[in-house]
Amino acid sequence: MFSVLIFIVVLAMVARWVHGWSTAGPALAPHYEAEIARLRGEVDELSAQVVRLSDEQQFMMRLLASGETRPAPELPPGPPNEETA
C-alpha cells in the first residue's frame, strides 16, 4: 500500500513537471507538443491502473481480514513421477 502511494506522488510530480514545462516559455515545435500529449495520455493510463491496483489490494485485504477459510480442495492423484517412485 505504501509503495502505491509513493508511486502516485511521484507520478503527480512528473505530471506537474510536464505541465509546467509545456506551459512555460515560447511555443514548442509540433513534434514536442505531440510527445507531451502522448506522455499526458500515458500518465492518465498509469493513474487509472494505480487506482485499479489500489482497489484490488483493498479488496484482497478485506478478504484476508474477514478470516473466512475454506478447506483446500483435494486434488486427484497424478501420474507417478521418477522422484516419488
Foldseek 3Di string as FASTA:
>chain_A
DVVLVVVVVVLVVVLVVLVVVCPDDDHDDPVVVVVSVVVVVVSVVVVVVSVVVVVVVVVVVVVVVVVDDDDDDDDDDDDDDPVVD
